[in-house]
C-alpha atoms as a PDB file:
ATOM      1  CA  MET A   1       8.924 -38.234 -12.330  1.00  0.00           C
ATOM      2  CA  SER A   2      10.623 -35.301 -10.637  1.00  0.00           C
ATOM      3  CA  GLU A   3      10.464 -31.720 -11.887  1.00  0.00           C
ATOM      4  CA  ARG A   4      12.507 -30.332  -9.013  1.00  0.00           C
ATOM      5  CA  ASP A   5      14.965 -32.219  -6.805  1.00  0.00           C
ATOM      6  CA  HIS A   6      17.114 -31.471  -3.777  1.00  0.00           C
ATOM      7  CA  VAL A   7      14.628 -29.593  -1.594  1.00  0.00           C
ATOM      8  CA  GLN A   8      16.781 -28.389   1.259  1.00  0.00           C
ATOM      9  CA  LYS A   9      15.157 -25.271   2.724  1.00  0.00           C
ATOM     10  CA  ILE A  10      11.423 -25.102   3.304  1.00  0.00           C
ATOM     11  CA  GLY A  11       9.274 -22.147   4.357  1.00  0.00           C
ATOM     12  CA  LEU A  12       6.124 -22.815   6.381  1.00  0.00           C
ATOM     13  CA  LEU A  13       3.490 -20.077   6.107  1.00  0.00           C
ATOM     14  CA  TYR A  14       0.638 -20.296   8.599  1.00  0.00           C
ATOM     15  CA  HIS A  15      -2.647 -18.374   8.874  1.00  0.00           C
ATOM     16  CA  PRO A  16      -2.467 -16.211  12.016  1.00  0.00           C
ATOM     17  CA  LYS A  17      -6.221 -16.404  12.617  1.00  0.00           C
ATOM     18  CA  ILE A  18      -6.390 -20.213  12.515  1.00  0.00           C
ATOM     19  CA  GLY A  19      -4.835 -21.687  15.668  1.00  0.00           C
ATOM     20  CA  GLU A  20      -4.533 -25.178  14.236  1.00  0.00           C
ATOM     21  CA  SER A  21      -2.621 -23.732  11.285  1.00  0.00           C
ATOM     22  CA  LEU A  22       0.313 -22.677  13.478  1.00  0.00           C
ATOM     23  CA  ARG A  23       0.255 -25.937  15.443  1.00  0.00           C
ATOM     24  CA  LEU A  24       0.405 -28.033  12.280  1.00  0.00           C
ATOM     25  CA  ALA A  25       3.180 -25.859  10.834  1.00  0.00           C
ATOM     26  CA  GLN A  26       5.217 -26.299  14.027  1.00  0.00           C
ATOM     27  CA  SER A  27       4.635 -30.051  13.990  1.00  0.00           C
ATOM     28  CA  LEU A  28       5.881 -30.331  10.408  1.00  0.00           C
ATOM     29  CA  GLU A  29       8.817 -28.060  11.223  1.00  0.00           C
ATOM     30  CA  GLU A  30       9.935 -30.563  13.865  1.00  0.00           C
ATOM     31  CA  LEU A  31       9.595 -33.415  11.385  1.00  0.00           C
ATOM     32  CA  LEU A  32      11.590 -31.614   8.696  1.00  0.00           C
ATOM     33  CA  THR A  33      14.403 -30.540  10.991  1.00  0.00           C
ATOM     34  CA  SER A  34      14.666 -34.104  12.292  1.00  0.00           C
ATOM     35  CA  LYS A  35      15.421 -35.108   8.694  1.00  0.00           C
ATOM     36  CA  GLY A  36      18.247 -32.581   8.490  1.00  0.00           C
ATOM     37  CA  LEU A  37      16.342 -30.010   6.442  1.00  0.00           C
ATOM     38  CA  SER A  38      16.478 -26.255   7.026  1.00  0.00           C
ATOM     39  CA  THR A  39      13.169 -24.547   7.771  1.00  0.00           C
ATOM     40  CA  TRP A  40      11.682 -21.117   8.315  1.00  0.00           C
ATOM     41  CA  ILE A  41       8.238 -20.547   9.796  1.00  0.00           C
ATOM     42  CA  GLY A  42       6.266 -17.314   9.550  1.00  0.00           C
ATOM     43  CA  SER A  43       2.876 -15.679   9.284  1.00  0.00           C
ATOM     44  CA  ALA A  44       1.322 -15.389   5.836  1.00  0.00           C
ATOM     45  CA  TRP A  45       0.119 -11.920   6.835  1.00  0.00           C
ATOM     46  CA  GLU A  46       3.621 -10.537   7.439  1.00  0.00           C
ATOM     47  CA  ASP A  47       4.600  -9.861   3.832  1.00  0.00           C
ATOM     48  CA  GLU A  48       7.702  -7.821   4.480  1.00  0.00           C
ATOM     49  CA  GLU A  49       9.233 -10.408   6.807  1.00  0.00           C
ATOM     50  CA  ALA A  50       8.362 -13.322   4.533  1.00  0.00           C
ATOM     51  CA  ARG A  51       9.920 -11.618   1.487  1.00  0.00           C
ATOM     52  CA  LYS A  52      13.267 -11.545   3.327  1.00  0.00           C
ATOM     53  CA  HIS A  53      13.320 -15.357   3.505  1.00  0.00           C
ATOM     54  CA  ILE A  54      11.604 -16.524   0.318  1.00  0.00           C
ATOM     55  CA  PRO A  55      14.578 -15.965  -2.061  1.00  0.00           C
ATOM     56  CA  ASP A  56      16.492 -18.650  -0.121  1.00  0.00           C
ATOM     57  CA  LEU A  57      13.672 -21.227  -0.088  1.00  0.00           C
ATOM     58  CA  ASP A  58      13.269 -24.280  -2.312  1.00  0.00           C
ATOM     59  CA  LEU A  59       9.652 -24.843  -1.278  1.00  0.00           C
ATOM     60  CA  ILE A  60       6.849 -22.939   0.448  1.00  0.00           C
ATOM     61  CA  VAL A  61       4.173 -24.852   2.379  1.00  0.00           C
ATOM     62  CA  THR A  62       1.023 -22.900   3.192  1.00  0.00           C
ATOM     63  CA  PHE A  63      -1.399 -23.780   5.974  1.00  0.00           C
ATOM     64  CA  GLY A  64      -4.705 -22.000   5.363  1.00  0.00           C
ATOM     65  CA  GLY A  65      -7.237 -21.481   2.619  1.00  0.00           C
ATOM     66  CA  ASP A  66      -6.967 -20.214  -0.938  1.00  0.00           C
ATOM     67  CA  GLY A  67      -6.338 -16.700   0.401  1.00  0.00           C
ATOM     68  CA  THR A  68      -3.118 -17.887   2.003  1.00  0.00           C
ATOM     69  CA  ILE A  69      -1.978 -19.280  -1.342  1.00  0.00           C
ATOM     70  CA  LEU A  70      -2.748 -15.949  -3.028  1.00  0.00           C
ATOM     71  CA  ARG A  71      -0.535 -14.170  -0.499  1.00  0.00           C
ATOM     72  CA  ALA A  72       2.244 -16.724  -0.951  1.00  0.00           C
ATOM     73  CA  ALA A  73       2.087 -16.453  -4.757  1.00  0.00           C
ATOM     74  CA  ARG A  74       2.563 -12.688  -4.649  1.00  0.00           C
ATOM     75  CA  MET A  75       5.359 -13.008  -2.068  1.00  0.00           C
ATOM     76  CA  ALA A  76       7.130 -15.537  -4.292  1.00  0.00           C
ATOM     77  CA  VAL A  77       7.522 -13.006  -7.130  1.00  0.00           C
ATOM     78  CA  PRO A  78       9.990 -12.936  -8.836  1.00  0.00           C
ATOM     79  CA  GLN A  79      11.434 -16.289  -7.700  1.00  0.00           C
ATOM     80  CA  SER A  80       8.245 -18.287  -8.479  1.00  0.00           C
ATOM     81  CA  THR A  81       9.157 -20.621  -5.620  1.00  0.00           C
ATOM     82  CA  PRO A  82       7.005 -23.807  -5.697  1.00  0.00           C
ATOM     83  CA  ILE A  83       4.045 -23.765  -3.298  1.00  0.00           C
ATOM     84  CA  LEU A  84       2.501 -26.765  -1.562  1.00  0.00           C
ATOM     85  CA  SER A  85      -0.865 -25.962  -0.012  1.00  0.00           C
ATOM     86  CA  VAL A  86      -2.366 -27.703   3.012  1.00  0.00           C
ATOM     87  CA  ASN A  87      -6.066 -26.818   3.048  1.00  0.00           C
ATOM     88  CA  MET A  88      -7.342 -25.344   6.279  1.00  0.00           C
ATOM     89  CA  GLY A  89      -9.941 -23.107   4.680  1.00  0.00           C
ATOM     90  CA  ARG A  90     -13.423 -23.677   3.300  1.00  0.00           C
ATOM     91  CA  PHE A  91     -13.245 -24.372  -0.430  1.00  0.00           C
ATOM     92  CA  GLY A  92      -9.627 -25.178  -1.178  1.00  0.00           C
ATOM     93  CA  PHE A  93      -9.831 -24.802  -4.960  1.00  0.00           C
ATOM     94  CA  LEU A  94      -6.050 -24.471  -5.079  1.00  0.00           C
ATOM     95  CA  ALA A  95      -5.120 -26.866  -2.275  1.00  0.00           C
ATOM     96  CA  GLU A  96      -3.140 -30.080  -2.723  1.00  0.00           C
ATOM     97  CA  ALA A  97      -3.560 -31.810   0.662  1.00  0.00           C
ATOM     98  CA  GLU A  98      -5.932 -31.910   3.604  1.00  0.00           C
ATOM     99  CA  PRO A  99      -4.385 -31.450   7.090  1.00  0.00           C
ATOM    100  CA  GLU A 100      -4.524 -35.164   7.936  1.00  0.00           C
ATOM    101  CA  LYS A 101      -2.520 -35.955   4.781  1.00  0.00           C
ATOM    102  CA  ALA A 102       0.189 -33.319   5.265  1.00  0.00           C
ATOM    103  CA  VAL A 103       2.670 -35.579   7.072  1.00  0.00           C
ATOM    104  CA  GLU A 104       1.985 -38.404   4.640  1.00  0.00           C
ATOM    105  CA  ILE A 105       2.588 -36.364   1.493  1.00  0.00           C
ATOM    106  CA  LEU A 106       5.879 -34.714   2.513  1.00  0.00           C
ATOM    107  CA  PRO A 107       8.162 -37.745   1.961  1.00  0.00           C
ATOM    108  CA  THR A 108       6.784 -38.005  -1.570  1.00  0.00           C
ATOM    109  CA  ILE A 109       7.620 -34.359  -2.219  1.00  0.00           C
ATOM    110  CA  LEU A 110      11.080 -34.618  -0.666  1.00  0.00           C
ATOM    111  CA  ALA A 111      11.774 -37.634  -2.871  1.00  0.00           C
ATOM    112  CA  GLY A 112      11.058 -35.450  -5.909  1.00  0.00           C
ATOM    113  CA  ASP A 113       7.956 -37.411  -6.902  1.00  0.00           C
ATOM    114  CA  TYR A 114       5.697 -34.528  -7.881  1.00  0.00           C
ATOM    115  CA  TRP A 115       4.940 -32.182 -10.759  1.00  0.00           C
ATOM    116  CA  LEU A 116       4.628 -28.416 -10.966  1.00  0.00           C
ATOM    117  CA  GLU A 117       1.409 -26.861 -12.193  1.00  0.00           C
ATOM    118  CA  GLU A 118       2.174 -23.446 -13.681  1.00  0.00           C
ATOM    119  CA  ARG A 119      -0.485 -20.774 -13.231  1.00  0.00           C
ATOM    120  CA  ILE A 120      -0.320 -17.418 -14.978  1.00  0.00           C
ATOM    121  CA  MET A 121      -0.438 -14.216 -12.951  1.00  0.00           C
ATOM    122  CA  LEU A 122      -1.432 -10.648 -13.795  1.00  0.00           C
ATOM    123  CA  HIS A 123       0.608  -7.462 -13.645  1.00  0.00           C
ATOM    124  CA  ALA A 124      -1.356  -4.283 -12.913  1.00  0.00           C
ATOM    125  CA  GLU A 125      -0.318  -0.638 -12.854  1.00  0.00           C
ATOM    126  CA  LEU A 126      -2.167   2.405 -11.529  1.00  0.00           C
ATOM    127  CA  HIS A 127      -1.554   5.627 -13.473  1.00  0.00           C
ATOM    128  CA  ARG A 128      -2.696   9.077 -12.398  1.00  0.00           C
ATOM    129  CA  ASP A 129      -2.034  12.399 -14.093  1.00  0.00           C
ATOM    130  CA  GLY A 130       0.505  10.760 -16.396  1.00  0.00           C
ATOM    131  CA  ASP A 131       2.537   9.143 -13.604  1.00  0.00           C
ATOM    132  CA  GLN A 132       2.633   5.533 -12.440  1.00  0.00           C
ATOM    133  CA  GLN A 133       1.465   5.460  -8.819  1.00  0.00           C
ATOM    134  CA  ALA A 134       1.834   1.764  -8.030  1.00  0.00           C
ATOM    135  CA  SER A 135       2.202  -1.725  -9.525  1.00  0.00           C
ATOM    136  CA  TYR A 136       0.897  -5.095  -8.386  1.00  0.00           C
ATOM    137  CA  GLU A 137       1.026  -8.817  -9.112  1.00  0.00           C
ATOM    138  CA  ALA A 138      -2.137 -10.929  -8.816  1.00  0.00           C
ATOM    139  CA  LEU A 139      -2.857 -14.641  -9.053  1.00  0.00           C
ATOM    140  CA  ASN A 140      -6.660 -14.427  -9.074  1.00  0.00           C
ATOM    141  CA  ASP A 141      -7.862 -11.052 -10.265  1.00  0.00           C
ATOM    142  CA  VAL A 142      -7.637  -7.297 -10.557  1.00  0.00           C
ATOM    143  CA  VAL A 143     -10.937  -5.524  -9.853  1.00  0.00           C
ATOM    144  CA  VAL A 144     -11.916  -1.920 -10.514  1.00  0.00           C
ATOM    145  CA  GLY A 145     -15.174  -1.118  -8.767  1.00  0.00           C
ATOM    146  CA  HIS A 146     -17.308   1.282  -6.809  1.00  0.00           C
ATOM    147  CA  ALA A 147     -16.572   1.947  -3.146  1.00  0.00           C
ATOM    148  CA  VAL A 148     -20.076   3.238  -2.367  1.00  0.00           C
ATOM    149  CA  MET A 149     -23.186   1.087  -2.528  1.00  0.00           C
ATOM    150  CA  SER A 150     -25.800   1.952  -5.178  1.00  0.00           C
ATOM    151  CA  ARG A 151     -23.317   4.009  -7.203  1.00  0.00           C
ATOM    152  CA  VAL A 152     -21.962   2.827 -10.520  1.00  0.00           C
ATOM    153  CA  VAL A 153     -18.622   3.537 -12.163  1.00  0.00           C
ATOM    154  CA  ARG A 154     -18.017   4.141 -15.844  1.00  0.00           C
ATOM    155  CA  LEU A 155     -15.139   2.119 -17.236  1.00  0.00           C
ATOM    156  CA  ALA A 156     -13.883   2.746 -20.744  1.00  0.00           C
ATOM    157  CA  THR A 157     -12.035  -0.454 -21.585  1.00  0.00           C
ATOM    158  CA  TYR A 158      -9.369  -0.815 -24.256  1.00  0.00           C
ATOM    159  CA  VAL A 159      -7.568  -3.913 -25.527  1.00  0.00           C
ATOM    160  CA  ASP A 160      -4.295  -3.223 -27.347  1.00  0.00           C
ATOM    161  CA  GLY A 161      -5.430   0.363 -27.826  1.00  0.00           C
ATOM    162  CA  GLU A 162      -8.801  -0.622 -29.331  1.00  0.00           C
ATOM    163  CA  HIS A 163     -11.925   0.582 -27.496  1.00  0.00           C
ATOM    164  CA  VAL A 164     -13.926  -2.614 -26.818  1.00  0.00           C
ATOM    165  CA  ALA A 165     -16.454  -1.633 -24.145  1.00  0.00           C
ATOM    166  CA  GLU A 166     -17.884   1.216 -22.103  1.00  0.00           C
ATOM    167  CA  TYR A 167     -19.081  -0.450 -18.911  1.00  0.00           C
ATOM    168  CA  VAL A 168     -21.598   1.275 -16.665  1.00  0.00           C
ATOM    169  CA  ALA A 169     -21.508  -1.156 -13.780  1.00  0.00           C
ATOM    170  CA  ASP A 170     -20.578  -1.877 -10.203  1.00  0.00           C
ATOM    171  CA  GLY A 171     -17.141  -2.788 -11.505  1.00  0.00           C
ATOM    172  CA  LEU A 172     -14.998  -4.858 -13.842  1.00  0.00           C
ATOM    173  CA  ILE A 173     -13.018  -7.995 -13.010  1.00  0.00           C
ATOM    174  CA  VAL A 174      -9.860  -8.888 -14.920  1.00  0.00           C
ATOM    175  CA  ALA A 175      -9.204 -12.505 -13.986  1.00  0.00           C
ATOM    176  CA  THR A 176      -6.805 -15.337 -14.704  1.00  0.00           C
ATOM    177  CA  PRO A 177      -8.117 -18.871 -15.246  1.00  0.00           C
ATOM    178  CA  THR A 178      -7.241 -19.438 -11.578  1.00  0.00           C
ATOM    179  CA  GLY A 179      -9.459 -16.490 -10.653  1.00  0.00           C
ATOM    180  CA  SER A 180     -12.309 -17.698 -12.848  1.00  0.00           C
ATOM    181  CA  THR A 181     -13.595 -19.789  -9.919  1.00  0.00           C
ATOM    182  CA  ALA A 182     -13.500 -16.783  -7.547  1.00  0.00           C
ATOM    183  CA  TYR A 183     -15.230 -13.383  -7.831  1.00  0.00           C
ATOM    184  CA  SER A 184     -15.685 -13.715 -11.576  1.00  0.00           C
ATOM    185  CA  LEU A 185     -17.717 -16.908 -11.113  1.00  0.00           C
ATOM    186  CA  ALA A 186     -19.944 -15.185  -8.559  1.00  0.00           C
ATOM    187  CA  ALA A 187     -20.465 -12.360 -11.105  1.00  0.00           C
ATOM    188  CA  GLY A 188     -21.670 -14.836 -13.744  1.00  0.00           C
ATOM    189  CA  GLY A 189     -18.375 -15.519 -15.507  1.00  0.00           C
ATOM    190  CA  PRO A 190     -17.347 -18.916 -16.945  1.00  0.00           C
ATOM    191  CA  ILE A 191     -15.071 -21.480 -15.317  1.00  0.00           C
ATOM    192  CA  LEU A 192     -11.771 -21.803 -17.202  1.00  0.00           C
ATOM    193  CA  HIS A 193      -9.301 -24.653 -16.976  1.00  0.00           C
ATOM    194  CA  PRO A 194      -6.446 -23.426 -14.739  1.00  0.00           C
ATOM    195  CA  GLN A 195      -3.698 -24.293 -17.196  1.00  0.00           C
ATOM    196  CA  LEU A 196      -5.135 -22.101 -19.955  1.00  0.00           C
ATOM    197  CA  LYS A 197      -3.091 -19.016 -20.798  1.00  0.00           C
ATOM    198  CA  VAL A 198      -5.900 -16.499 -21.260  1.00  0.00           C
ATOM    199  CA  VAL A 199      -7.361 -13.437 -19.532  1.00  0.00           C
ATOM    200  CA  LEU A 200     -11.022 -13.037 -18.561  1.00  0.00           C
ATOM    201  CA  LEU A 201     -12.988  -9.747 -18.423  1.00  0.00           C
ATOM    202  CA  THR A 202     -16.197  -9.994 -16.386  1.00  0.00           C
ATOM    203  CA  PRO A 203     -18.383  -6.954 -15.649  1.00  0.00           C
ATOM    204  CA  ILE A 204     -20.087  -6.747 -12.246  1.00  0.00           C
ATOM    205  CA  ALA A 205     -23.817  -5.994 -12.465  1.00  0.00           C
ATOM    206  CA  PRO A 206     -23.596  -4.122 -15.788  1.00  0.00           C
ATOM    207  CA  HIS A 207     -26.545  -1.919 -16.742  1.00  0.00           C
ATOM    208  CA  ARG A 208     -26.757  -3.461 -20.184  1.00  0.00           C
ATOM    209  CA  ALA A 209     -27.931  -7.078 -19.920  1.00  0.00           C
ATOM    210  CA  LEU A 210     -26.059  -8.176 -23.051  1.00  0.00           C
ATOM    211  CA  GLU A 211     -22.670  -7.345 -21.573  1.00  0.00           C
ATOM    212  CA  ARG A 212     -21.009 -10.664 -20.751  1.00  0.00           C
ATOM    213  CA  SER A 213     -17.532 -11.999 -20.065  1.00  0.00           C
ATOM    214  CA  ILE A 214     -14.840 -11.682 -22.715  1.00  0.00           C
ATOM    215  CA  VAL A 215     -11.923 -14.133 -23.019  1.00  0.00           C
ATOM    216  CA  LEU A 216      -8.716 -12.600 -24.347  1.00  0.00           C
ATOM    217  CA  PRO A 217      -5.355 -14.052 -25.449  1.00  0.00           C
ATOM    218  CA  PRO A 218      -2.390 -13.660 -23.079  1.00  0.00           C
ATOM    219  CA  GLU A 219      -0.566 -11.159 -25.282  1.00  0.00           C
ATOM    220  CA  CYS A 220      -3.254  -8.494 -24.831  1.00  0.00           C
ATOM    221  CA  ASN A 221      -2.676  -5.249 -22.984  1.00  0.00           C
ATOM    222  CA  ILE A 222      -5.787  -4.019 -21.182  1.00  0.00           C
ATOM    223  CA  GLU A 223      -6.433  -0.413 -20.207  1.00  0.00           C
ATOM    224  CA  ILE A 224      -9.329   0.647 -17.992  1.00  0.00           C
ATOM    225  CA  ARG A 225     -10.120   4.369 -17.820  1.00  0.00           C
ATOM    226  CA  LEU A 226     -12.196   5.308 -14.802  1.00  0.00           C
ATOM    227  CA  SER A 227     -14.915   7.957 -14.806  1.00  0.00           C
ATOM    228  CA  THR A 228     -16.710   8.479 -11.506  1.00  0.00           C
ATOM    229  CA  GLU A 229     -18.129  11.159  -9.232  1.00  0.00           C
ATOM    230  CA  TYR A 230     -17.965   8.853  -6.248  1.00  0.00           C
ATOM    231  CA  PRO A 231     -15.257   6.851  -4.412  1.00  0.00           C
ATOM    232  CA  ALA A 232     -13.870   3.887  -6.340  1.00  0.00           C
ATOM    233  CA  VAL A 233     -11.338   1.207  -5.484  1.00  0.00           C
ATOM    234  CA  LEU A 234      -8.744  -1.025  -7.113  1.00  0.00           C
ATOM    235  CA  THR A 235      -8.629  -4.463  -5.481  1.00  0.00           C
ATOM    236  CA  ILE A 236      -5.905  -7.066  -5.984  1.00  0.00           C
ATOM    237  CA  ASP A 237      -6.808 -10.703  -5.252  1.00  0.00           C
ATOM    238  CA  GLY A 238      -9.529  -9.481  -2.899  1.00  0.00           C
ATOM    239  CA  GLN A 239      -6.791  -8.575  -0.398  1.00  0.00           C
ATOM    240  CA  ILE A 240      -5.142  -5.291  -1.386  1.00  0.00           C
ATOM    241  CA  ASP A 241      -7.303  -2.156  -1.763  1.00  0.00           C
ATOM    242  CA  THR A 242      -6.190   1.144  -3.292  1.00  0.00           C
ATOM    243  CA  GLN A 243      -8.464   4.157  -3.497  1.00  0.00           C
ATOM    244  CA  LEU A 244      -9.032   5.492  -6.997  1.00  0.00           C
ATOM    245  CA  GLU A 245      -9.823   8.921  -8.383  1.00  0.00           C
ATOM    246  CA  ASP A 246     -11.705  10.094 -11.425  1.00  0.00           C
ATOM    247  CA  ALA A 247      -9.646   9.765 -14.631  1.00  0.00           C
ATOM    248  CA  ASP A 248      -7.296   7.145 -13.151  1.00  0.00           C
ATOM    249  CA  ARG A 249      -5.999   4.562 -15.637  1.00  0.00           C
ATOM    250  CA  ILE A 250      -5.398   0.911 -14.725  1.00  0.00           C
ATOM    251  CA  LEU A 251      -3.199  -1.115 -17.046  1.00  0.00           C
ATOM    252  CA  VAL A 252      -3.349  -4.915 -16.838  1.00  0.00           C
ATOM    253  CA  SER A 253      -1.332  -7.562 -18.674  1.00  0.00           C
ATOM    254  CA  VAL A 254      -0.161 -11.112 -18.110  1.00  0.00           C
ATOM    255  CA  SER A 255       2.779 -11.023 -15.701  1.00  0.00           C
ATOM    256  CA  PRO A 256       6.158 -12.448 -16.731  1.00  0.00           C
ATOM    257  CA  HIS A 257       6.084 -14.281 -13.390  1.00  0.00           C
ATOM    258  CA  ARG A 258       4.284 -17.526 -12.670  1.00  0.00           C
ATOM    259  CA  CYS A 259       2.826 -19.321  -9.664  1.00  0.00           C
ATOM    260  CA  ASN A 260       4.105 -22.897  -9.429  1.00  0.00           C
ATOM    261  CA  LEU A 261       1.844 -25.216  -7.443  1.00  0.00           C
ATOM    262  CA  VAL A 262       3.228 -28.531  -6.229  1.00  0.00           C
ATOM    263  CA  ARG A 263       1.029 -31.463  -7.290  1.00  0.00           C
ATOM    264  CA  THR A 264       1.136 -35.175  -6.483  1.00  0.00           C
ATOM    265  CA  GLN A 265      -2.334 -35.997  -7.778  1.00  0.00           C
ATOM    266  CA  PRO A 266      -2.919 -36.973 -11.421  1.00  0.00           C
ATOM    267  CA  ARG A 267      -2.604 -34.241 -14.031  1.00  0.00           C
ATOM    268  CA  ASN A 268      -6.295 -34.607 -14.910  1.00  0.00           C
ATOM    269  CA  TYR A 269      -7.372 -33.816 -11.350  1.00  0.00           C
ATOM    270  CA  PHE A 270      -9.163 -30.550 -12.118  1.00  0.00           C
ATOM    271  CA  GLY A 271     -12.583 -31.878 -13.206  1.00  0.00           C
ATOM    272  CA  ARG A 272     -12.945 -34.180 -10.215  1.00  0.00           C
ATOM    273  CA  ASN A 273     -11.815 -31.563  -7.721  1.00  0.00           C
ATOM    274  CA  LEU A 274     -14.055 -28.905  -9.241  1.00  0.00           C
ATOM    275  CA  LEU A 275     -17.161 -31.031  -8.777  1.00  0.00           C
ATOM    276  CA  GLU A 276     -16.216 -31.795  -5.186  1.00  0.00           C
ATOM    277  CA  ARG A 277     -15.591 -28.153  -4.347  1.00  0.00           C
ATOM    278  CA  LEU A 278     -18.789 -26.881  -5.984  1.00  0.00           C
ATOM    279  CA  LYS A 279     -20.823 -29.345  -3.918  1.00  0.00           C
ATOM    280  CA  GLN A 280     -19.566 -27.769  -0.691  1.00  0.00           C
END
């Protein structure tokens, strides 16, 4: 059953540090153009250039690991253009196809025989001295943490204006269910089903042993107030770093935008894939 038909223009995003990624993207570009489809090919690391083309695309195909998908998801805001991922990384939690299956799966997609898996994203804002300094979208997580080893940060955390925790820790992860298998998992957080609409708070090496992850409903507004004498950093999806100052405020909520992942495998794929990935 099709959830999106008439794919006419396809963007191919390759990983610039993986040589085979570009070669496979170019090979598929030739195949697609031979079928009369319009294509654009570009580096996943050139955000500004990619954003010029994405509004005109019906589909984005990524050639890389999960990090390439994270970049593509942020680039696709606000269009939420569907993303098909060809795994050329290590784990491939988000991937749909292995490289050897890429040519085989495309006719199925072009015929409209696929479904879209909607993943929630986060919206984060950095406020300093009463002014908004920057805003971000994230598919995996928003992390507030120390920038100097062996130094903790103090993070007063509020949910809908209610003070819920005062973390003395290496940092705090605000994660989506998608991000629950990333940094949050390494920090001892739970694995959440990717189609859940919830937000996860996971402290990093908290001083109080009883401090554990908290799962919050999607309507919540989270505020993190930073207190530190040492350098601290705000990190988006493990890829964008912004230096923080004492008394900075970070506001996080569920974004109005979504990441749509193209799927051809059964809708109950998650459990099987999770076991396979965790064995790697």
